[in-house]
Amino acid sequence: MNAVAAPVLAETVPPVRILRETAGDARAIDALVLAAFGPGRFAKTAERLREAAALAAGFSAFEGERLIGSVRLWSITVGAARSVFLGPIAVEASSRRGGLGADLVRACIEEARRMGLGGVLLVGDPPYFSRFGFVSAPEAILPGPVDQRRVMWLPISDVFPVGPVRAAG
């Protein structure tokens, strides 16, 4: 007897959409960031800076209705330069390695350019962020302990980050 196999239907995965963060995203973003970084992130200088700064912009990545990624920009000054502090970038574990983190970084860079800022500051992995144009920022002084080799700047204008990094409103 010849059996006929039933057709296999490929599961359709909804496309990933990156949208501006809304107030309704906050709870899911907090859970995503906690899952990605754990409670140890609260002890970091970068988190202290974010707590004091005003949210300048945020982006949420959705697969269908499910939040799978997030990134935020925080208003800061570096010396006299008006800028933003990028982070944290959080991507759900099952969605990593597909380039979503890079897409979120690009959304932030485009937003910072639209805002007409001096640049974007972050604390991160130099090999990862250098591909976007970030360079070492040894003269940007964060308000607490940080591995200075990981402090990076993406210049948008001719301003270079020199001086104390402060939260802005």
C-alpha atoms as a PDB file:
ATOM      1  CA  MET A   1       0.000   0.000   0.000  1.00  0.00           C
ATOM      2  CA  ASN A   2       1.348   3.380  -0.943  1.00  0.00           C
ATOM      3  CA  ALA A   3       0.896   5.982   1.732  1.00  0.00           C
ATOM      4  CA  VAL A   4       0.508   9.558   0.696  1.00  0.00           C
ATOM      5  CA  ALA A   5       2.177  12.017   3.007  1.00  0.00           C
ATOM      6  CA  ALA A   6       0.101  14.943   4.092  1.00  0.00           C
ATOM      7  CA  PRO A   7       1.512  18.254   2.943  1.00  0.00           C
ATOM      8  CA  VAL A   8       3.671  19.925   5.537  1.00  0.00           C
ATOM      9  CA  LEU A   9       2.673  23.495   6.101  1.00  0.00           C
ATOM     10  CA  ALA A  10       5.521  25.787   6.991  1.00  0.00           C
ATOM     11  CA  GLU A  11       4.815  27.766  10.112  1.00  0.00           C
ATOM     12  CA  THR A  12       4.624  31.402   9.202  1.00  0.00           C
ATOM     13  CA  VAL A  13       6.717  33.611  11.449  1.00  0.00           C
ATOM     14  CA  PRO A  14       5.470  37.178  11.640  1.00  0.00           C
ATOM     15  CA  PRO A  15       7.983  39.775  10.466  1.00  0.00           C
ATOM     16  CA  VAL A  16       9.907  41.678  13.099  1.00  0.00           C
ATOM     17  CA  ARG A  17       8.818  45.289  13.429  1.00  0.00           C
ATOM     18  CA  ILE A  18      10.845  47.958  15.196  1.00  0.00           C
ATOM     19  CA  LEU A  19       8.587  50.666  16.552  1.00  0.00           C
ATOM     20  CA  ARG A  20       8.927  53.646  18.835  1.00  0.00           C
ATOM     21  CA  GLU A  21       8.504  52.581  22.428  1.00  0.00           C
ATOM     22  CA  THR A  22       5.151  53.402  24.003  1.00  0.00           C
ATOM     23  CA  ALA A  23       4.136  53.603  27.654  1.00  0.00           C
ATOM     24  CA  GLY A  24       2.323  50.292  27.165  1.00  0.00           C
ATOM     25  CA  ASP A  25       5.649  48.577  26.383  1.00  0.00           C
ATOM     26  CA  ALA A  26       7.255  49.423  29.743  1.00  0.00           C
ATOM     27  CA  ARG A  27       6.330  46.308  31.740  1.00  0.00           C
ATOM     28  CA  ALA A  28       7.407  43.913  28.962  1.00  0.00           C
ATOM     29  CA  ILE A  29      10.642  45.877  28.436  1.00  0.00           C
ATOM     30  CA  ASP A  30      11.476  45.713  32.150  1.00  0.00           C
ATOM     31  CA  ALA A  31      10.952  41.925  32.107  1.00  0.00           C
ATOM     32  CA  LEU A  32      13.045  41.527  28.946  1.00  0.00           C
ATOM     33  CA  VAL A  33      15.934  43.597  30.342  1.00  0.00           C
ATOM     34  CA  LEU A  34      15.848  41.714  33.645  1.00  0.00           C
ATOM     35  CA  ALA A  35      15.936  38.373  31.798  1.00  0.00           C
ATOM     36  CA  ALA A  36      18.839  39.552  29.633  1.00  0.00           C
ATOM     37  CA  PHE A  37      21.014  41.169  32.308  1.00  0.00           C
ATOM     38  CA  GLY A  38      19.775  39.971  35.686  1.00  0.00           C
ATOM     39  CA  PRO A  39      19.650  42.024  38.848  1.00  0.00           C
ATOM     40  CA  GLY A  40      23.421  42.694  38.732  1.00  0.00           C
ATOM     41  CA  ARG A  41      22.825  45.474  36.232  1.00  0.00           C
ATOM     42  CA  PHE A  42      21.498  47.690  39.039  1.00  0.00           C
ATOM     43  CA  ALA A  43      25.014  47.921  40.500  1.00  0.00           C
ATOM     44  CA  LYS A  44      26.548  49.363  37.329  1.00  0.00           C
ATOM     45  CA  THR A  45      27.457  53.000  36.763  1.00  0.00           C
ATOM     46  CA  ALA A  46      25.582  52.943  33.445  1.00  0.00           C
ATOM     47  CA  GLU A  47      22.362  52.067  35.271  1.00  0.00           C
ATOM     48  CA  ARG A  48      22.875  54.883  37.792  1.00  0.00           C
ATOM     49  CA  LEU A  49      23.233  57.317  34.899  1.00  0.00           C
ATOM     50  CA  ARG A  50      20.074  55.994  33.199  1.00  0.00           C
ATOM     51  CA  GLU A  51      18.089  56.308  36.439  1.00  0.00           C
ATOM     52  CA  ALA A  52      18.932  60.016  36.648  1.00  0.00           C
ATOM     53  CA  ALA A  53      18.499  60.875  32.952  1.00  0.00           C
ATOM     54  CA  ALA A  54      15.319  61.589  31.025  1.00  0.00           C
ATOM     55  CA  LEU A  55      14.300  59.078  28.393  1.00  0.00           C
ATOM     56  CA  ALA A  56      15.014  60.681  25.022  1.00  0.00           C
ATOM     57  CA  ALA A  57      13.687  57.831  22.860  1.00  0.00           C
ATOM     58  CA  GLY A  58      13.152  54.106  22.917  1.00  0.00           C
ATOM     59  CA  PHE A  59      12.567  51.402  20.346  1.00  0.00           C
ATOM     60  CA  SER A  60      10.718  48.129  20.767  1.00  0.00           C
ATOM     61  CA  ALA A  61      11.026  45.133  18.459  1.00  0.00           C
ATOM     62  CA  PHE A  62       7.968  42.944  18.023  1.00  0.00           C
ATOM     63  CA  GLU A  63       7.421  39.588  16.388  1.00  0.00           C
ATOM     64  CA  GLY A  64       3.679  39.676  15.937  1.00  0.00           C
ATOM     65  CA  GLU A  65       2.428  41.019  19.269  1.00  0.00           C
ATOM     66  CA  ARG A  66       5.364  39.617  21.273  1.00  0.00           C
ATOM     67  CA  LEU A  67       8.112  41.996  22.419  1.00  0.00           C
ATOM     68  CA  ILE A  68      11.467  40.439  21.509  1.00  0.00           C
ATOM     69  CA  GLY A  69      13.840  43.408  21.706  1.00  0.00           C
ATOM     70  CA  SER A  70      14.330  46.839  23.184  1.00  0.00           C
ATOM     71  CA  VAL A  71      16.802  49.697  23.327  1.00  0.00           C
ATOM     72  CA  ARG A  72      16.662  53.162  24.828  1.00  0.00           C
ATOM     73  CA  LEU A  73      18.407  56.510  24.489  1.00  0.00           C
ATOM     74  CA  TRP A  74      18.860  58.705  27.579  1.00  0.00           C
ATOM     75  CA  SER A  75      19.453  62.469  27.583  1.00  0.00           C
ATOM     76  CA  ILE A  76      22.947  63.354  28.797  1.00  0.00           C
ATOM     77  CA  THR A  77      25.701  65.896  28.373  1.00  0.00           C
ATOM     78  CA  VAL A  78      29.352  65.027  27.958  1.00  0.00           C
ATOM     79  CA  GLY A  79      31.262  68.133  28.915  1.00  0.00           C
ATOM     80  CA  ALA A  80      29.385  70.749  26.904  1.00  0.00           C
ATOM     81  CA  ALA A  81      28.132  68.305  24.263  1.00  0.00           C
ATOM     82  CA  ARG A  82      24.408  67.554  24.182  1.00  0.00           C
ATOM     83  CA  SER A  83      24.120  63.856  23.517  1.00  0.00           C
ATOM     84  CA  VAL A  84      22.402  60.599  24.407  1.00  0.00           C
ATOM     85  CA  PHE A  85      23.470  57.493  26.275  1.00  0.00           C
ATOM     86  CA  LEU A  86      22.532  54.267  24.496  1.00  0.00           C
ATOM     87  CA  GLY A  87      21.383  51.205  26.380  1.00  0.00           C
ATOM     88  CA  PRO A  88      20.592  48.735  27.464  1.00  0.00           C
ATOM     89  CA  ILE A  89      20.050  46.703  24.315  1.00  0.00           C
ATOM     90  CA  ALA A  90      18.033  43.622  25.191  1.00  0.00           C
ATOM     91  CA  VAL A  91      16.996  40.871  22.795  1.00  0.00           C
ATOM     92  CA  GLU A  92      15.058  37.777  23.816  1.00  0.00           C
ATOM     93  CA  ALA A  93      17.391  34.750  23.922  1.00  0.00           C
ATOM     94  CA  SER A  94      15.552  32.861  21.169  1.00  0.00           C
ATOM     95  CA  SER A  95      15.825  35.885  18.825  1.00  0.00           C
ATOM     96  CA  ARG A  96      19.555  36.524  19.157  1.00  0.00           C
ATOM     97  CA  ARG A  97      22.037  35.973  16.357  1.00  0.00           C
ATOM     98  CA  GLY A  98      19.668  37.268  13.692  1.00  0.00           C
ATOM     99  CA  GLY A  99      20.933  40.846  13.636  1.00  0.00           C
ATOM    100  CA  LEU A 100      18.099  42.356  15.675  1.00  0.00           C
ATOM    101  CA  GLY A 101      20.518  44.002  18.126  1.00  0.00           C
ATOM    102  CA  ALA A 102      22.269  45.710  15.210  1.00  0.00           C
ATOM    103  CA  ASP A 103      18.929  46.871  13.799  1.00  0.00           C
ATOM    104  CA  LEU A 104      18.053  48.397  17.178  1.00  0.00           C
ATOM    105  CA  VAL A 105      21.430  50.191  17.323  1.00  0.00           C
ATOM    106  CA  ARG A 106      20.847  51.583  13.822  1.00  0.00           C
ATOM    107  CA  ALA A 107      17.410  52.881  14.876  1.00  0.00           C
ATOM    108  CA  CYS A 108      19.105  54.729  17.759  1.00  0.00           C
ATOM    109  CA  ILE A 109      21.769  56.206  15.520  1.00  0.00           C
ATOM    110  CA  GLU A 110      19.156  57.476  13.058  1.00  0.00           C
ATOM    111  CA  GLU A 111      17.145  58.996  15.916  1.00  0.00           C
ATOM    112  CA  ALA A 112      20.220  60.731  17.395  1.00  0.00           C
ATOM    113  CA  ARG A 113      20.992  62.213  13.978  1.00  0.00           C
ATOM    114  CA  ARG A 114      17.400  63.465  13.643  1.00  0.00           C
ATOM    115  CA  MET A 115      17.739  65.062  17.091  1.00  0.00           C
ATOM    116  CA  GLY A 116      20.828  67.017  15.955  1.00  0.00           C
ATOM    117  CA  LEU A 117      22.998  65.890  18.855  1.00  0.00           C
ATOM    118  CA  GLY A 118      26.760  65.955  19.269  1.00  0.00           C
ATOM    119  CA  GLY A 119      26.917  62.177  19.421  1.00  0.00           C
ATOM    120  CA  VAL A 120      25.956  58.952  21.135  1.00  0.00           C
ATOM    121  CA  LEU A 121      27.792  57.580  24.174  1.00  0.00           C
ATOM    122  CA  LEU A 122      27.680  54.005  25.430  1.00  0.00           C
ATOM    123  CA  VAL A 123      29.529  51.462  27.513  1.00  0.00           C
ATOM    124  CA  GLY A 124      29.920  48.335  25.417  1.00  0.00           C
ATOM    125  CA  ASP A 125      32.016  45.859  23.500  1.00  0.00           C
ATOM    126  CA  PRO A 126      34.408  47.710  21.145  1.00  0.00           C
ATOM    127  CA  PRO A 127      34.545  44.972  18.457  1.00  0.00           C
ATOM    128  CA  TYR A 128      30.739  44.959  18.232  1.00  0.00           C
ATOM    129  CA  PHE A 129      30.107  48.715  18.308  1.00  0.00           C
ATOM    130  CA  SER A 130      33.042  49.861  16.171  1.00  0.00           C
ATOM    131  CA  ARG A 131      31.266  48.534  13.070  1.00  0.00           C
ATOM    132  CA  PHE A 132      28.648  51.273  13.551  1.00  0.00           C
ATOM    133  CA  GLY A 133      31.314  53.998  13.760  1.00  0.00           C
ATOM    134  CA  PHE A 134      31.736  54.126  17.555  1.00  0.00           C
ATOM    135  CA  VAL A 135      35.239  55.020  18.727  1.00  0.00           C
ATOM    136  CA  SER A 136      36.972  55.015  22.084  1.00  0.00           C
ATOM    137  CA  ALA A 137      36.043  57.945  24.329  1.00  0.00           C
ATOM    138  CA  PRO A 138      38.844  58.044  26.908  1.00  0.00           C
ATOM    139  CA  GLU A 139      38.096  61.626  27.986  1.00  0.00           C
ATOM    140  CA  ALA A 140      34.396  61.051  28.782  1.00  0.00           C
ATOM    141  CA  ILE A 141      34.257  60.735  32.571  1.00  0.00           C
ATOM    142  CA  LEU A 142      31.290  58.726  33.849  1.00  0.00           C
ATOM    143  CA  PRO A 143      30.000  59.339  37.404  1.00  0.00           C
ATOM    144  CA  GLY A 144      31.298  56.091  38.868  1.00  0.00           C
ATOM    145  CA  PRO A 145      33.545  53.118  38.200  1.00  0.00           C
ATOM    146  CA  VAL A 146      33.594  51.861  34.625  1.00  0.00           C
ATOM    147  CA  ASP A 147      36.042  50.026  32.375  1.00  0.00           C
ATOM    148  CA  GLN A 148      37.177  53.067  30.385  1.00  0.00           C
ATOM    149  CA  ARG A 149      38.178  50.828  27.452  1.00  0.00           C
ATOM    150  CA  ARG A 150      34.453  50.111  26.938  1.00  0.00           C
ATOM    151  CA  VAL A 151      33.328  53.773  26.892  1.00  0.00           C
ATOM    152  CA  MET A 152      32.574  54.592  23.270  1.00  0.00           C
ATOM    153  CA  TRP A 153      31.314  57.557  21.266  1.00  0.00           C
ATOM    154  CA  LEU A 154      29.619  57.853  17.904  1.00  0.00           C
ATOM    155  CA  PRO A 155      30.299  61.359  16.607  1.00  0.00           C
ATOM    156  CA  ILE A 156      27.371  63.005  14.867  1.00  0.00           C
ATOM    157  CA  SER A 157      28.878  66.488  14.795  1.00  0.00           C
ATOM    158  CA  ASP A 158      32.480  67.627  15.152  1.00  0.00           C
ATOM    159  CA  VAL A 159      32.181  67.576  18.962  1.00  0.00           C
ATOM    160  CA  PHE A 160      34.343  65.060  20.819  1.00  0.00           C
ATOM    161  CA  PRO A 161      33.313  63.872  24.289  1.00  0.00           C
ATOM    162  CA  VAL A 162      35.576  65.541  26.818  1.00  0.00           C
ATOM    163  CA  GLY A 163      34.597  65.987  30.448  1.00  0.00           C
ATOM    164  CA  PRO A 164      32.052  64.724  32.918  1.00  0.00           C
ATOM    165  CA  VAL A 165      29.032  62.729  31.737  1.00  0.00           C
ATOM    166  CA  ARG A 166      25.858  64.065  33.364  1.00  0.00           C
ATOM    167  CA  ALA A 167      22.195  63.153  33.193  1.00  0.00           C
ATOM    168  CA  ALA A 168      20.048  65.739  31.419  1.00  0.00           C
ATOM    169  CA  GLY A 169      16.329  66.367  31.508  1.00  0.00           C
END
